[in-house]
Amino acid sequence: MPEFENSSSDRISDVNFFNECPVPELFNENQWSFIRRRYNITPREAEVANLIFKGFSYDKISSELKMESATVKVHLRNVYRKVQVKNKVVLLLTFLDYINRTCTGS
């Protein structure tokens, strides 16, 4: 069996893969516009939701948007209330379903 060079000394921490790869956009600006109008979401709430979908933590979002972590939670809670969901997964699925129905005309 061939042996790979440095295979025993390689560590996951040596590769900063997640910080080097760009995070894809789930929705484009036009789609966010549809979502915002449909659910009466403010631009700031949409920014918070977008970063949540990208996997950012509350602390990272607060740093990115220059707001308190508690404010991030308030914005997200407002989005949940407006969309009538209880968690991030259902929120994302609801938005994806809405965009899919809007784009396909179903």
Protein backbone atom coordinates (compact mmCIF):
# COMPACT_ATOMS: atom_id res chain seq x y z
CA MET A 1 0.00 0.00 0.00
CA PRO A 2 1.49 3.39 -0.96
CA GLU A 3 2.30 5.77 1.83
CA PHE A 4 1.46 9.44 1.46
CA GLU A 5 3.96 12.05 2.45
CA ASN A 6 3.13 13.79 5.76
CA SER A 7 -0.10 11.80 6.06
CA SER A 8 0.45 11.15 9.76
CA SER A 9 1.24 14.77 10.58
CA ASP A 10 -1.57 16.43 8.59
CA ARG A 11 -4.10 18.12 10.82
CA ILE A 12 -7.48 19.61 9.99
CA SER A 13 -6.51 22.81 11.81
CA ASP A 14 -3.70 23.36 9.27
CA VAL A 15 -6.27 23.87 6.54
CA ASN A 16 -8.46 26.92 6.98
CA PHE A 17 -10.87 25.68 4.31
CA PHE A 18 -14.08 27.28 5.59
CA ASN A 19 -12.57 30.74 5.98
CA GLU A 20 -11.02 30.69 2.51
CA CYS A 21 -14.04 29.54 0.52
CA PRO A 22 -16.68 32.07 -0.46
CA VAL A 23 -20.14 31.41 0.92
CA PRO A 24 -22.69 31.12 -1.88
CA GLU A 25 -25.72 33.40 -1.96
CA LEU A 26 -28.94 31.46 -1.46
CA PHE A 27 -31.12 34.24 -2.85
CA ASN A 28 -30.24 37.02 -5.25
CA GLU A 29 -31.31 40.65 -4.73
CA ASN A 30 -34.46 40.22 -6.81
CA GLN A 31 -35.51 37.17 -4.80
CA TRP A 32 -34.86 38.99 -1.51
CA SER A 33 -37.03 41.81 -2.81
CA PHE A 34 -39.90 39.36 -3.42
CA ILE A 35 -39.40 37.81 0.03
CA ARG A 36 -39.26 41.21 1.74
CA ARG A 37 -42.48 42.38 0.09
CA ARG A 38 -44.32 39.09 0.66
CA TYR A 39 -43.52 38.90 4.38
CA ASN A 40 -43.12 42.65 5.11
CA ILE A 41 -39.50 42.15 6.21
CA THR A 42 -37.29 45.20 6.71
CA PRO A 43 -33.96 45.50 4.87
CA ARG A 44 -32.08 44.97 8.16
CA GLU A 45 -34.11 41.87 9.00
CA ALA A 46 -33.33 40.52 5.53
CA GLU A 47 -29.61 41.18 6.09
CA VAL A 48 -29.70 39.24 9.36
CA ALA A 49 -31.64 36.35 7.77
CA ASN A 50 -29.21 36.23 4.85
CA LEU A 51 -26.21 35.96 7.18
CA ILE A 52 -27.98 33.32 9.28
CA PHE A 53 -28.49 31.27 6.09
CA LYS A 54 -24.77 31.62 5.36
CA GLY A 55 -24.03 30.00 8.72
CA PHE A 56 -22.87 33.08 10.64
CA SER A 57 -23.21 33.04 14.42
CA TYR A 58 -25.07 35.79 16.27
CA ASP A 59 -21.72 37.22 17.41
CA LYS A 60 -20.31 37.20 13.87
CA ILE A 61 -23.48 38.87 12.52
CA SER A 62 -23.35 41.53 15.24
CA SER A 63 -19.74 42.24 14.34
CA GLU A 64 -20.46 42.26 10.58
CA LEU A 65 -23.50 44.55 10.87
CA LYS A 66 -22.14 46.58 13.81
CA MET A 67 -25.01 45.89 16.19
CA GLU A 68 -25.44 44.16 19.52
CA SER A 69 -25.93 40.40 19.56
CA ALA A 70 -29.26 40.94 21.33
CA THR A 71 -30.36 43.15 18.42
CA VAL A 72 -29.54 40.35 15.98
CA LYS A 73 -31.79 38.04 18.00
CA VAL A 74 -34.60 40.62 17.99
CA HIS A 75 -34.39 41.01 14.20
CA LEU A 76 -34.46 37.24 13.72
CA ARG A 77 -37.36 36.85 16.15
CA ASN A 78 -39.27 39.52 14.18
CA VAL A 79 -38.66 37.59 10.95
CA TYR A 80 -39.89 34.36 12.56
CA ARG A 81 -43.04 36.15 13.73
CA LYS A 82 -43.73 37.71 10.33
CA VAL A 83 -43.19 34.44 8.47
CA GLN A 84 -44.93 32.43 11.22
CA VAL A 85 -42.12 29.91 11.76
CA LYS A 86 -40.21 28.81 14.84
CA ASN A 87 -36.68 28.04 13.63
CA LYS A 88 -34.02 28.72 10.99
CA VAL A 89 -34.58 25.53 9.02
CA VAL A 90 -38.30 26.09 8.58
CA LEU A 91 -37.61 29.74 7.74
CA LEU A 92 -35.21 28.75 4.98
CA LEU A 93 -37.57 26.09 3.63
CA THR A 94 -40.45 28.57 3.64
CA PHE A 95 -38.42 31.13 1.69
CA LEU A 96 -37.20 28.49 -0.77
CA ASP A 97 -40.75 27.25 -1.29
CA TYR A 98 -42.04 30.79 -1.85
CA ILE A 99 -39.30 31.61 -4.37
CA ASN A 100 -39.84 28.28 -6.14
CA ARG A 101 -43.60 28.88 -6.42
CA THR A 102 -43.06 32.48 -7.50
CA CYS A 103 -40.54 31.58 -10.22
CA THR A 104 -42.44 28.59 -11.57
CA GLY A 105 -45.85 30.23 -11.37
CA SER A 106 -47.37 27.33 -9.41
